[in-house]
Amino acid sequence: MEINFTHHQSAHCENGVVSNLMKHHGFQVSEPMVFGIGSGLLFCYIPFLKVNHAPAITYRAMPGKIFNRFAKRVGVQFKREKFKNYKAAKARLDTNLKKDNPVGLQVGVYHLTYFPDEYRFHFNAHNLVVYGKQDHTYLISDPVMETVTTLTEKELEKVRFAKGAFAPKGHMYYPIAFPKELKLEKAIVKGIKKTCSDMLAPVPFVGVRGIKKIAGLIRKWPKKKGTKVTNHYLGQIVRMQEEIGTGGGGFRYIYAAFLQEAGKLLGNEKLLELSAEMTKIGDLWRDFAVDASRIYRNRTTKVAIDVYDDVATQLEHIAEKEKAFFKKLKKAV
């Protein structure tokens, strides 16, 4: 059984799955629009949660938040299910496929056999679409891949029930009801206001304050934890930024694309101006990633303490830029 499903490559998995499912059901919603309405942009430092033996840092809303918010704000109903065992999860998936209903899944990355080895690590918040089954092999549309692919029953079982932080527990989701037409205007404004609220939150670990917090820690870690641990933590910041679902710089570019699309739809010139400004902020994140990676790969000739201070200063500059940006964005809507 194979559903007539069109694969569209995207920059980020959750946005891509939601956009692709919406397109399958006749609603032409872009990945940036899903991300913006779903208030996907965020920065949060989570010291008590360890990923690869280093504190977790996220540049996006928690897994599932984007599509939950998007669905609620545009009036689409999604059904979400988790399971205690693979037998029940497999049966429910197969039932949907028999009904020509493609399904979104949350899975672990480490055992995704079609991923290159360097991208296979213990991260359990990846999203993909299953759109069919041939014998004992599932047809997979992973939005971050250029083309469709496949997973055997055993391979899919392993990724659906991966262990560790954010264990998916067979999590599957799919739309079950739609409005006659999507009214995006109010949804866009709600999405922007929530993002501004998150990024300007008066909490030391969230938003622009969270970016400043990390900058301060980068200055302290060399003396407190030593160079080896500091470089590992720095590598974690960059990996979470650039390798786990497009991260800091990439998400800024997606958000810039959202603001451009939203500005045209709402007839709001200020959003178009801010779109260009967000693109420049994305460039600053990418510059930071390049400089930070040179440190933990030992490709810099500067004195050790100086290089950590330099990248910390870069982050502080980014924090100030984003603080000013989100204040202007809040006024624009």
C-alpha atoms as a PDB file:
ATOM      1  CA  MET A   1       0.000   0.000   0.000  1.00  0.00           C
ATOM      2  CA  GLU A   2       1.344   3.402  -0.998  1.00  0.00           C
ATOM      3  CA  ILE A   3      -0.389   6.738  -0.477  1.00  0.00           C
ATOM      4  CA  ASN A   4      -0.094   9.330  -3.227  1.00  0.00           C
ATOM      5  CA  PHE A   5       2.048  11.605  -1.052  1.00  0.00           C
ATOM      6  CA  THR A   6       4.348  14.334  -2.403  1.00  0.00           C
ATOM      7  CA  HIS A   7       7.679  14.710  -0.613  1.00  0.00           C
ATOM      8  CA  HIS A   8       8.936  18.271  -0.060  1.00  0.00           C
ATOM      9  CA  GLN A   9      12.379  18.806   1.449  1.00  0.00           C
ATOM     10  CA  SER A  10      12.552  21.316   4.297  1.00  0.00           C
ATOM     11  CA  ALA A  11      15.151  22.831   6.600  1.00  0.00           C
ATOM     12  CA  HIS A  12      13.674  21.458   9.813  1.00  0.00           C
ATOM     13  CA  CYS A  13      11.831  18.235  10.524  1.00  0.00           C
ATOM     14  CA  GLU A  14       8.811  19.320  12.604  1.00  0.00           C
ATOM     15  CA  ASN A  15       7.994  22.299  10.386  1.00  0.00           C
ATOM     16  CA  GLY A  16       8.488  20.124   7.331  1.00  0.00           C
ATOM     17  CA  VAL A  17       6.229  17.312   8.516  1.00  0.00           C
ATOM     18  CA  VAL A  18       3.385  19.706   9.379  1.00  0.00           C
ATOM     19  CA  SER A  19       3.780  21.626   6.104  1.00  0.00           C
ATOM     20  CA  ASN A  20       3.870  18.397   4.080  1.00  0.00           C
ATOM     21  CA  LEU A  21       0.819  16.958   5.834  1.00  0.00           C
ATOM     22  CA  MET A  22      -1.079  20.209   5.265  1.00  0.00           C
ATOM     23  CA  LYS A  23      -0.130  20.213   1.577  1.00  0.00           C
ATOM     24  CA  HIS A  24      -1.238  16.609   1.264  1.00  0.00           C
ATOM     25  CA  HIS A  25      -4.671  17.687   2.470  1.00  0.00           C
ATOM     26  CA  GLY A  26      -4.873  20.588   0.040  1.00  0.00           C
ATOM     27  CA  PHE A  27      -3.603  23.527   2.125  1.00  0.00           C
ATOM     28  CA  GLN A  28      -0.521  25.246   0.701  1.00  0.00           C
ATOM     29  CA  VAL A  29       1.233  26.262   3.910  1.00  0.00           C
ATOM     30  CA  SER A  30       4.986  26.874   3.748  1.00  0.00           C
ATOM     31  CA  GLU A  31       7.533  25.660   6.265  1.00  0.00           C
ATOM     32  CA  PRO A  32       8.335  29.230   7.467  1.00  0.00           C
ATOM     33  CA  MET A  33       4.611  29.909   7.981  1.00  0.00           C
ATOM     34  CA  VAL A  34       4.262  26.790  10.147  1.00  0.00           C
ATOM     35  CA  PHE A  35       7.341  27.812  12.142  1.00  0.00           C
ATOM     36  CA  GLY A  36       6.222  31.417  12.668  1.00  0.00           C
ATOM     37  CA  ILE A  37       2.582  30.721  13.526  1.00  0.00           C
ATOM     38  CA  GLY A  38       3.758  27.904  15.788  1.00  0.00           C
ATOM     39  CA  SER A  39       6.108  30.299  17.631  1.00  0.00           C
ATOM     40  CA  GLY A  40       9.012  27.974  16.984  1.00  0.00           C
ATOM     41  CA  LEU A  41      11.839  30.445  17.572  1.00  0.00           C
ATOM     42  CA  LEU A  42      13.339  30.306  21.054  1.00  0.00           C
ATOM     43  CA  PHE A  43      16.555  30.163  23.042  1.00  0.00           C
ATOM     44  CA  CYS A  44      16.712  28.184  26.253  1.00  0.00           C
ATOM     45  CA  TYR A  45      19.607  26.901  28.357  1.00  0.00           C
ATOM     46  CA  ILE A  46      18.615  23.769  30.324  1.00  0.00           C
ATOM     47  CA  PRO A  47      21.499  22.940  32.699  1.00  0.00           C
ATOM     48  CA  PHE A  48      19.721  20.036  34.443  1.00  0.00           C
ATOM     49  CA  LEU A  49      19.083  18.183  31.156  1.00  0.00           C
ATOM     50  CA  LYS A  50      22.152  16.506  29.679  1.00  0.00           C
ATOM     51  CA  VAL A  51      22.498  15.596  26.006  1.00  0.00           C
ATOM     52  CA  ASN A  52      25.735  13.837  25.025  1.00  0.00           C
ATOM     53  CA  HIS A  53      27.118  14.562  28.522  1.00  0.00           C
ATOM     54  CA  ALA A  54      26.682  18.336  28.222  1.00  0.00           C
ATOM     55  CA  PRO A  55      23.937  20.789  29.244  1.00  0.00           C
ATOM     56  CA  ALA A  56      21.100  21.012  26.727  1.00  0.00           C
ATOM     57  CA  ILE A  57      20.547  24.165  24.723  1.00  0.00           C
ATOM     58  CA  THR A  58      17.581  24.639  22.456  1.00  0.00           C
ATOM     59  CA  TYR A  59      17.056  27.239  19.760  1.00  0.00           C
ATOM     60  CA  ARG A  60      13.446  26.186  19.171  1.00  0.00           C
ATOM     61  CA  ALA A  61      10.270  25.452  21.107  1.00  0.00           C
ATOM     62  CA  MET A  62      10.037  22.060  22.787  1.00  0.00           C
ATOM     63  CA  PRO A  63       9.213  19.113  20.494  1.00  0.00           C
ATOM     64  CA  GLY A  64       5.540  19.084  19.527  1.00  0.00           C
ATOM     65  CA  LYS A  65       4.887  22.703  20.510  1.00  0.00           C
ATOM     66  CA  ILE A  66       5.202  24.056  16.979  1.00  0.00           C
ATOM     67  CA  PHE A  67       2.580  21.840  15.417  1.00  0.00           C
ATOM     68  CA  ASN A  68       0.296  22.083  18.499  1.00  0.00           C
ATOM     69  CA  ARG A  69       0.318  25.872  18.386  1.00  0.00           C
ATOM     70  CA  PHE A  70       0.015  26.002  14.618  1.00  0.00           C
ATOM     71  CA  ALA A  71      -2.946  23.638  14.615  1.00  0.00           C
ATOM     72  CA  LYS A  72      -4.753  25.480  17.405  1.00  0.00           C
ATOM     73  CA  ARG A  73      -4.219  28.904  15.851  1.00  0.00           C
ATOM     74  CA  VAL A  74      -5.397  27.979  12.346  1.00  0.00           C
ATOM     75  CA  GLY A  75      -8.197  25.658  13.467  1.00  0.00           C
ATOM     76  CA  VAL A  76      -6.803  22.275  12.393  1.00  0.00           C
ATOM     77  CA  GLN A  77      -7.382  19.284  14.670  1.00  0.00           C
ATOM     78  CA  PHE A  78      -4.503  16.825  15.062  1.00  0.00           C
ATOM     79  CA  LYS A  79      -4.810  13.479  16.785  1.00  0.00           C
ATOM     80  CA  ARG A  80      -1.775  12.525  18.872  1.00  0.00           C
ATOM     81  CA  GLU A  81      -1.101   9.093  20.309  1.00  0.00           C
ATOM     82  CA  LYS A  82       1.618   7.357  22.325  1.00  0.00           C
ATOM     83  CA  PHE A  83       1.888   3.659  23.055  1.00  0.00           C
ATOM     84  CA  LYS A  84       3.216   1.308  25.728  1.00  0.00           C
ATOM     85  CA  ASN A  85       4.424  -1.271  23.210  1.00  0.00           C
ATOM     86  CA  TYR A  86       5.397  -1.533  19.564  1.00  0.00           C
ATOM     87  CA  LYS A  87       2.693  -4.053  18.672  1.00  0.00           C
ATOM     88  CA  ALA A  88      -0.070  -1.548  19.425  1.00  0.00           C
ATOM     89  CA  ALA A  89       1.903   1.305  17.796  1.00  0.00           C
ATOM     90  CA  LYS A  90       2.480  -0.728  14.635  1.00  0.00           C
ATOM     91  CA  ALA A  91      -1.181  -1.770  14.424  1.00  0.00           C
ATOM     92  CA  ARG A  92      -2.397   1.835  14.672  1.00  0.00           C
ATOM     93  CA  LEU A  93       0.117   2.992  12.061  1.00  0.00           C
ATOM     94  CA  ASP A  94      -0.864   0.226   9.645  1.00  0.00           C
ATOM     95  CA  THR A  95      -4.559   1.027  10.121  1.00  0.00           C
ATOM     96  CA  ASN A  96      -3.958   4.648   9.140  1.00  0.00           C
ATOM     97  CA  LEU A  97      -1.959   3.643   6.086  1.00  0.00           C
ATOM     98  CA  LYS A  98      -4.759   1.325   4.954  1.00  0.00           C
ATOM     99  CA  LYS A  99      -7.081   4.330   5.177  1.00  0.00           C
ATOM    100  CA  ASP A 100      -4.727   6.354   2.916  1.00  0.00           C
ATOM    101  CA  ASN A 101      -3.792   8.580   5.835  1.00  0.00           C
ATOM    102  CA  PRO A 102      -0.082   9.545   6.034  1.00  0.00           C
ATOM    103  CA  VAL A 103       1.161   9.815   9.604  1.00  0.00           C
ATOM    104  CA  GLY A 104       3.754  11.964  11.355  1.00  0.00           C
ATOM    105  CA  LEU A 105       6.089  10.182  13.786  1.00  0.00           C
ATOM    106  CA  GLN A 106       8.504  11.343  16.466  1.00  0.00           C
ATOM    107  CA  VAL A 107      11.607   9.148  16.432  1.00  0.00           C
ATOM    108  CA  GLY A 108      15.146   8.803  17.713  1.00  0.00           C
ATOM    109  CA  VAL A 109      17.969   9.785  15.378  1.00  0.00           C
ATOM    110  CA  TYR A 110      20.671   7.332  16.470  1.00  0.00           C
ATOM    111  CA  HIS A 111      19.238   4.275  14.702  1.00  0.00           C
ATOM    112  CA  LEU A 112      18.029   6.008  11.529  1.00  0.00           C
ATOM    113  CA  THR A 113      19.924   3.856   9.029  1.00  0.00           C
ATOM    114  CA  TYR A 114      19.594   6.332   6.161  1.00  0.00           C
ATOM    115  CA  PHE A 115      21.319   9.113   8.129  1.00  0.00           C
ATOM    116  CA  PRO A 116      25.095   9.567   7.631  1.00  0.00           C
ATOM    117  CA  ASP A 117      27.069   8.211  10.611  1.00  0.00           C
ATOM    118  CA  GLU A 118      28.169  11.690  11.722  1.00  0.00           C
ATOM    119  CA  TYR A 119      24.535  12.765  12.196  1.00  0.00           C
ATOM    120  CA  ARG A 120      23.453   9.678  14.134  1.00  0.00           C
ATOM    121  CA  PHE A 121      23.523  10.508  17.822  1.00  0.00           C
ATOM    122  CA  HIS A 122      21.151  10.145  20.767  1.00  0.00           C
ATOM    123  CA  PHE A 123      18.467  12.732  20.018  1.00  0.00           C
ATOM    124  CA  ASN A 124      14.844  11.620  20.251  1.00  0.00           C
ATOM    125  CA  ALA A 125      12.882  14.557  18.872  1.00  0.00           C
ATOM    126  CA  HIS A 126      13.191  13.988  15.137  1.00  0.00           C
ATOM    127  CA  ASN A 127      10.058  13.947  12.965  1.00  0.00           C
ATOM    128  CA  LEU A 128       9.192  12.143   9.736  1.00  0.00           C
ATOM    129  CA  VAL A 129       6.173  10.968   7.724  1.00  0.00           C
ATOM    130  CA  VAL A 130       5.231   7.377   6.953  1.00  0.00           C
ATOM    131  CA  TYR A 131       3.208   7.295   3.737  1.00  0.00           C
ATOM    132  CA  GLY A 132       3.051   3.609   2.845  1.00  0.00           C
ATOM    133  CA  LYS A 133       4.222   0.055   3.320  1.00  0.00           C
ATOM    134  CA  GLN A 134       5.509  -2.621   0.955  1.00  0.00           C
ATOM    135  CA  ASP A 135       5.752  -6.085   2.476  1.00  0.00           C
ATOM    136  CA  HIS A 136       7.732  -5.518   5.690  1.00  0.00           C
ATOM    137  CA  THR A 137       9.215  -2.156   4.687  1.00  0.00           C
ATOM    138  CA  TYR A 138       7.768   1.274   5.476  1.00  0.00           C
ATOM    139  CA  LEU A 139       7.935   4.159   2.998  1.00  0.00           C
ATOM    140  CA  ILE A 140       9.430   7.217   4.667  1.00  0.00           C
ATOM    141  CA  SER A 141       9.258  10.907   3.795  1.00  0.00           C
ATOM    142  CA  ASP A 142      11.848  12.536   6.044  1.00  0.00           C
ATOM    143  CA  PRO A 143      11.601  16.263   5.286  1.00  0.00           C
ATOM    144  CA  VAL A 144      15.289  16.949   5.902  1.00  0.00           C
ATOM    145  CA  MET A 145      16.257  14.397   3.227  1.00  0.00           C
ATOM    146  CA  GLU A 146      16.367  15.235  -0.463  1.00  0.00           C
ATOM    147  CA  THR A 147      14.349  12.181  -1.510  1.00  0.00           C
ATOM    148  CA  VAL A 148      12.050   9.609   0.074  1.00  0.00           C
ATOM    149  CA  THR A 149      13.547   6.565   1.770  1.00  0.00           C
ATOM    150  CA  THR A 150      12.563   3.393   3.637  1.00  0.00           C
ATOM    151  CA  LEU A 151      12.849   1.637   7.009  1.00  0.00           C
ATOM    152  CA  THR A 152      12.172  -2.014   7.767  1.00  0.00           C
ATOM    153  CA  GLU A 153       9.658  -2.937  10.463  1.00  0.00           C
ATOM    154  CA  LYS A 154      12.512  -3.672  12.880  1.00  0.00           C
ATOM    155  CA  GLU A 155      14.297  -0.417  12.064  1.00  0.00           C
ATOM    156  CA  LEU A 156      11.136   1.621  12.562  1.00  0.00           C
ATOM    157  CA  GLU A 157      10.423  -0.150  15.855  1.00  0.00           C
ATOM    158  CA  LYS A 158      13.891   0.767  17.111  1.00  0.00           C
ATOM    159  CA  VAL A 159      13.551   4.498  16.337  1.00  0.00           C
ATOM    160  CA  ARG A 160       9.915   4.763  17.515  1.00  0.00           C
ATOM    161  CA  PHE A 161      10.828   3.320  20.901  1.00  0.00           C
ATOM    162  CA  ALA A 162      14.281   4.830  21.378  1.00  0.00           C
ATOM    163  CA  LYS A 163      15.322   5.323  25.014  1.00  0.00           C
ATOM    164  CA  GLY A 164      16.587   8.438  26.782  1.00  0.00           C
ATOM    165  CA  ALA A 165      15.538  12.093  27.002  1.00  0.00           C
ATOM    166  CA  PHE A 166      12.352  12.891  25.045  1.00  0.00           C
ATOM    167  CA  ALA A 167      11.759   9.160  24.463  1.00  0.00           C
ATOM    168  CA  PRO A 168       9.104   9.116  21.705  1.00  0.00           C
ATOM    169  CA  LYS A 169       7.124   6.116  23.052  1.00  0.00           C
ATOM    170  CA  GLY A 170       5.721   5.417  19.602  1.00  0.00           C
ATOM    171  CA  HIS A 171       4.408   8.984  19.285  1.00  0.00           C
ATOM    172  CA  MET A 172       2.351   9.466  16.138  1.00  0.00           C
ATOM    173  CA  TYR A 173       0.157  12.336  14.948  1.00  0.00           C
ATOM    174  CA  TYR A 174      -2.037  13.235  11.985  1.00  0.00           C
ATOM    175  CA  PRO A 175      -4.723  15.824  11.122  1.00  0.00           C
ATOM    176  CA  ILE A 176      -8.343  14.743  11.467  1.00  0.00           C
ATOM    177  CA  ALA A 177     -10.369  17.923  10.856  1.00  0.00           C
ATOM    178  CA  PHE A 178      -9.860  21.160   8.912  1.00  0.00           C
ATOM    179  CA  PRO A 179     -11.673  24.497   8.625  1.00  0.00           C
ATOM    180  CA  LYS A 180     -13.140  25.419   5.236  1.00  0.00           C
ATOM    181  CA  GLU A 181     -10.273  27.853   4.802  1.00  0.00           C
ATOM    182  CA  LEU A 182      -7.242  28.798   6.853  1.00  0.00           C
ATOM    183  CA  LYS A 183      -7.448  32.291   8.315  1.00  0.00           C
ATOM    184  CA  LEU A 184      -3.785  33.041   8.733  1.00  0.00           C
ATOM    185  CA  GLU A 185      -3.867  36.733   9.641  1.00  0.00           C
ATOM    186  CA  LYS A 186      -4.864  36.375  13.318  1.00  0.00           C
ATOM    187  CA  ALA A 187      -2.738  33.255  13.650  1.00  0.00           C
ATOM    188  CA  ILE A 188       0.333  35.170  12.408  1.00  0.00           C
ATOM    189  CA  VAL A 189      -0.143  37.938  14.970  1.00  0.00           C
ATOM    190  CA  LYS A 190      -0.621  35.440  17.812  1.00  0.00           C
ATOM    191  CA  GLY A 191       2.476  33.558  16.727  1.00  0.00           C
ATOM    192  CA  ILE A 192       4.600  36.698  16.630  1.00  0.00           C
ATOM    193  CA  LYS A 193       3.389  37.947  20.008  1.00  0.00           C
ATOM    194  CA  LYS A 194       4.207  34.621  21.658  1.00  0.00           C
ATOM    195  CA  THR A 195       7.705  34.560  20.164  1.00  0.00           C
ATOM    196  CA  CYS A 196       8.361  38.122  21.352  1.00  0.00           C
ATOM    197  CA  SER A 197       7.128  37.199  24.832  1.00  0.00           C
ATOM    198  CA  ASP A 198       9.409  34.148  24.962  1.00  0.00           C
ATOM    199  CA  MET A 199      12.509  35.932  23.695  1.00  0.00           C
ATOM    200  CA  LEU A 200      12.018  38.911  26.028  1.00  0.00           C
ATOM    201  CA  ALA A 201      11.057  36.797  29.060  1.00  0.00           C
ATOM    202  CA  PRO A 202      12.410  38.022  32.438  1.00  0.00           C
ATOM    203  CA  VAL A 203      13.968  34.611  33.104  1.00  0.00           C
ATOM    204  CA  PRO A 204      17.767  34.077  33.236  1.00  0.00           C
ATOM    205  CA  PHE A 205      17.788  30.885  31.155  1.00  0.00           C
ATOM    206  CA  VAL A 206      15.312  31.864  28.411  1.00  0.00           C
ATOM    207  CA  GLY A 207      15.402  34.191  25.392  1.00  0.00           C
ATOM    208  CA  VAL A 208      17.925  37.010  25.194  1.00  0.00           C
ATOM    209  CA  ARG A 209      18.723  36.619  28.888  1.00  0.00           C
ATOM    210  CA  GLY A 210      19.514  32.973  28.251  1.00  0.00           C
ATOM    211  CA  ILE A 211      21.959  33.966  25.497  1.00  0.00           C
ATOM    212  CA  LYS A 212      23.673  36.350  27.920  1.00  0.00           C
ATOM    213  CA  LYS A 213      23.742  33.613  30.555  1.00  0.00           C
ATOM    214  CA  ILE A 214      25.595  31.266  28.198  1.00  0.00           C
ATOM    215  CA  ALA A 215      28.035  34.051  27.300  1.00  0.00           C
ATOM    216  CA  GLY A 216      28.839  34.518  30.982  1.00  0.00           C
ATOM    217  CA  LEU A 217      29.342  30.782  31.483  1.00  0.00           C
ATOM    218  CA  ILE A 218      31.734  30.559  28.525  1.00  0.00           C
ATOM    219  CA  ARG A 219      33.944  33.085  30.328  1.00  0.00           C
ATOM    220  CA  LYS A 220      33.839  31.039  33.570  1.00  0.00           C
ATOM    221  CA  TRP A 221      34.078  27.462  32.281  1.00  0.00           C
ATOM    222  CA  PRO A 222      37.838  27.426  31.371  1.00  0.00           C
ATOM    223  CA  LYS A 223      38.911  28.190  34.950  1.00  0.00           C
ATOM    224  CA  LYS A 224      36.088  26.307  36.647  1.00  0.00           C
ATOM    225  CA  LYS A 225      35.910  23.148  34.518  1.00  0.00           C
ATOM    226  CA  GLY A 226      39.110  23.126  32.481  1.00  0.00           C
ATOM    227  CA  THR A 227      39.751  23.392  28.761  1.00  0.00           C
ATOM    228  CA  LYS A 228      38.673  19.857  27.853  1.00  0.00           C
ATOM    229  CA  VAL A 229      35.196  20.145  29.395  1.00  0.00           C
ATOM    230  CA  THR A 230      34.788  23.723  28.191  1.00  0.00           C
ATOM    231  CA  ASN A 231      35.539  22.696  24.624  1.00  0.00           C
ATOM    232  CA  HIS A 232      33.077  19.821  24.904  1.00  0.00           C
ATOM    233  CA  TYR A 233      30.386  22.213  26.147  1.00  0.00           C
ATOM    234  CA  LEU A 234      31.254  24.705  23.425  1.00  0.00           C
ATOM    235  CA  GLY A 235      30.967  21.941  20.860  1.00  0.00           C
ATOM    236  CA  GLN A 236      27.563  21.117  22.294  1.00  0.00           C
ATOM    237  CA  ILE A 237      26.398  24.724  21.829  1.00  0.00           C
ATOM    238  CA  VAL A 238      27.463  24.686  18.187  1.00  0.00           C
ATOM    239  CA  ARG A 239      26.086  21.207  17.537  1.00  0.00           C
ATOM    240  CA  MET A 240      22.703  22.139  18.989  1.00  0.00           C
ATOM    241  CA  GLN A 241      22.869  25.322  16.897  1.00  0.00           C
ATOM    242  CA  GLU A 242      23.984  24.011  13.526  1.00  0.00           C
ATOM    243  CA  GLU A 243      23.476  20.244  13.362  1.00  0.00           C
ATOM    244  CA  ILE A 244      20.296  19.492  15.317  1.00  0.00           C
ATOM    245  CA  GLY A 245      17.529  20.689  13.045  1.00  0.00           C
ATOM    246  CA  THR A 246      19.146  23.908  11.676  1.00  0.00           C
ATOM    247  CA  GLY A 247      19.558  25.517  15.096  1.00  0.00           C
ATOM    248  CA  GLY A 248      20.399  29.117  15.903  1.00  0.00           C
ATOM    249  CA  GLY A 249      21.431  30.529  12.556  1.00  0.00           C
ATOM    250  CA  GLY A 250      19.157  28.416  10.401  1.00  0.00           C
ATOM    251  CA  PHE A 251      16.088  29.084  12.522  1.00  0.00           C
ATOM    252  CA  ARG A 252      16.737  32.813  12.222  1.00  0.00           C
ATOM    253  CA  TYR A 253      16.706  32.486   8.437  1.00  0.00           C
ATOM    254  CA  ILE A 254      13.458  30.518   8.550  1.00  0.00           C
ATOM    255  CA  TYR A 255      11.949  33.176  10.803  1.00  0.00           C
ATOM    256  CA  ALA A 256      13.119  35.900   8.424  1.00  0.00           C
ATOM    257  CA  ALA A 257      11.342  34.069   5.595  1.00  0.00           C
ATOM    258  CA  PHE A 258       8.215  33.867   7.767  1.00  0.00           C
ATOM    259  CA  LEU A 259       8.288  37.617   8.441  1.00  0.00           C
ATOM    260  CA  GLN A 260       8.674  38.320   4.730  1.00  0.00           C
ATOM    261  CA  GLU A 261       5.706  36.102   3.887  1.00  0.00           C
ATOM    262  CA  ALA A 262       3.668  37.509   6.791  1.00  0.00           C
ATOM    263  CA  GLY A 263       4.524  41.100   5.864  1.00  0.00           C
ATOM    264  CA  LYS A 264       3.185  40.610   2.352  1.00  0.00           C
ATOM    265  CA  LEU A 265       0.057  38.828   3.557  1.00  0.00           C
ATOM    266  CA  LEU A 266      -0.730  41.479   6.178  1.00  0.00           C
ATOM    267  CA  GLY A 267       0.430  44.424   4.095  1.00  0.00           C
ATOM    268  CA  ASN A 268       2.848  45.336   6.899  1.00  0.00           C
ATOM    269  CA  GLU A 269       6.011  47.008   5.574  1.00  0.00           C
ATOM    270  CA  LYS A 270       7.651  46.955   9.001  1.00  0.00           C
ATOM    271  CA  LEU A 271       7.653  43.153   8.989  1.00  0.00           C
ATOM    272  CA  LEU A 272       9.458  43.198   5.654  1.00  0.00           C
ATOM    273  CA  GLU A 273      12.131  45.492   7.123  1.00  0.00           C
ATOM    274  CA  LEU A 274      12.483  43.270  10.189  1.00  0.00           C
ATOM    275  CA  SER A 275      12.814  40.222   7.953  1.00  0.00           C
ATOM    276  CA  ALA A 276      16.019  41.679   6.506  1.00  0.00           C
ATOM    277  CA  GLU A 277      17.263  42.518  10.011  1.00  0.00           C
ATOM    278  CA  MET A 278      16.656  38.962  11.231  1.00  0.00           C
ATOM    279  CA  THR A 279      18.661  37.611   8.293  1.00  0.00           C
ATOM    280  CA  LYS A 280      21.629  39.693   9.468  1.00  0.00           C
ATOM    281  CA  ILE A 281      21.226  38.329  12.995  1.00  0.00           C
ATOM    282  CA  GLY A 282      21.274  34.830  11.505  1.00  0.00           C
ATOM    283  CA  ASP A 283      24.616  35.716   9.900  1.00  0.00           C
ATOM    284  CA  LEU A 284      25.976  36.698  13.342  1.00  0.00           C
ATOM    285  CA  TRP A 285      24.967  33.288  14.740  1.00  0.00           C
ATOM    286  CA  ARG A 286      26.760  31.567  11.872  1.00  0.00           C
ATOM    287  CA  ASP A 287      29.903  33.662  12.490  1.00  0.00           C
ATOM    288  CA  PHE A 288      29.795  32.667  16.153  1.00  0.00           C
ATOM    289  CA  ALA A 289      29.490  28.982  15.209  1.00  0.00           C
ATOM    290  CA  VAL A 290      32.523  29.165  12.914  1.00  0.00           C
ATOM    291  CA  ASP A 291      34.682  30.877  15.546  1.00  0.00           C
ATOM    292  CA  ALA A 292      33.545  28.578  18.351  1.00  0.00           C
ATOM    293  CA  SER A 293      34.211  25.469  16.250  1.00  0.00           C
ATOM    294  CA  ARG A 294      37.766  26.637  15.614  1.00  0.00           C
ATOM    295  CA  ILE A 295      38.346  26.667  19.366  1.00  0.00           C
ATOM    296  CA  TYR A 296      37.142  23.158  20.193  1.00  0.00           C
ATOM    297  CA  ARG A 297      38.867  21.783  17.091  1.00  0.00           C
ATOM    298  CA  ASN A 298      42.086  23.544  18.122  1.00  0.00           C
ATOM    299  CA  ARG A 299      42.374  25.551  14.901  1.00  0.00           C
ATOM    300  CA  THR A 300      43.037  28.884  16.521  1.00  0.00           C
ATOM    301  CA  THR A 301      46.354  30.520  17.334  1.00  0.00           C
ATOM    302  CA  LYS A 302      45.072  32.926  20.021  1.00  0.00           C
ATOM    303  CA  VAL A 303      45.786  32.642  23.734  1.00  0.00           C
ATOM    304  CA  ALA A 304      43.243  30.247  25.308  1.00  0.00           C
ATOM    305  CA  ILE A 305      41.405  32.656  27.628  1.00  0.00           C
ATOM    306  CA  ASP A 306      41.193  35.320  24.930  1.00  0.00           C
ATOM    307  CA  VAL A 307      39.370  33.054  22.472  1.00  0.00           C
ATOM    308  CA  TYR A 308      36.692  32.176  25.013  1.00  0.00           C
ATOM    309  CA  ASP A 309      36.238  35.843  25.816  1.00  0.00           C
ATOM    310  CA  ASP A 310      35.934  36.632  22.116  1.00  0.00           C
ATOM    311  CA  VAL A 311      33.089  34.180  21.459  1.00  0.00           C
ATOM    312  CA  ALA A 312      31.382  35.212  24.703  1.00  0.00           C
ATOM    313  CA  THR A 313      31.488  38.820  23.489  1.00  0.00           C
ATOM    314  CA  GLN A 314      29.970  37.714  20.183  1.00  0.00           C
ATOM    315  CA  LEU A 315      27.049  36.105  22.029  1.00  0.00           C
ATOM    316  CA  GLU A 316      26.524  39.202  24.157  1.00  0.00           C
ATOM    317  CA  HIS A 317      26.390  41.276  20.973  1.00  0.00           C
ATOM    318  CA  ILE A 318      23.838  38.870  19.468  1.00  0.00           C
ATOM    319  CA  ALA A 319      21.742  39.070  22.641  1.00  0.00           C
ATOM    320  CA  GLU A 320      21.612  42.865  22.430  1.00  0.00           C
ATOM    321  CA  LYS A 321      20.714  42.721  18.744  1.00  0.00           C
ATOM    322  CA  GLU A 322      17.886  40.258  19.415  1.00  0.00           C
ATOM    323  CA  LYS A 323      16.623  42.245  22.392  1.00  0.00           C
ATOM    324  CA  ALA A 324      16.261  45.341  20.220  1.00  0.00           C
ATOM    325  CA  PHE A 325      14.806  43.285  17.370  1.00  0.00           C
ATOM    326  CA  PHE A 326      12.027  41.638  19.366  1.00  0.00           C
ATOM    327  CA  LYS A 327      11.054  44.931  20.983  1.00  0.00           C
ATOM    328  CA  LYS A 328      10.584  46.396  17.498  1.00  0.00           C
ATOM    329  CA  LEU A 329       8.749  43.287  16.293  1.00  0.00           C
ATOM    330  CA  LYS A 330       6.365  43.449  19.247  1.00  0.00           C
ATOM    331  CA  LYS A 331       5.456  47.031  18.313  1.00  0.00           C
ATOM    332  CA  ALA A 332       5.063  46.148  14.645  1.00  0.00           C
ATOM    333  CA  VAL A 333       2.025  43.909  15.337  1.00  0.00           C
END
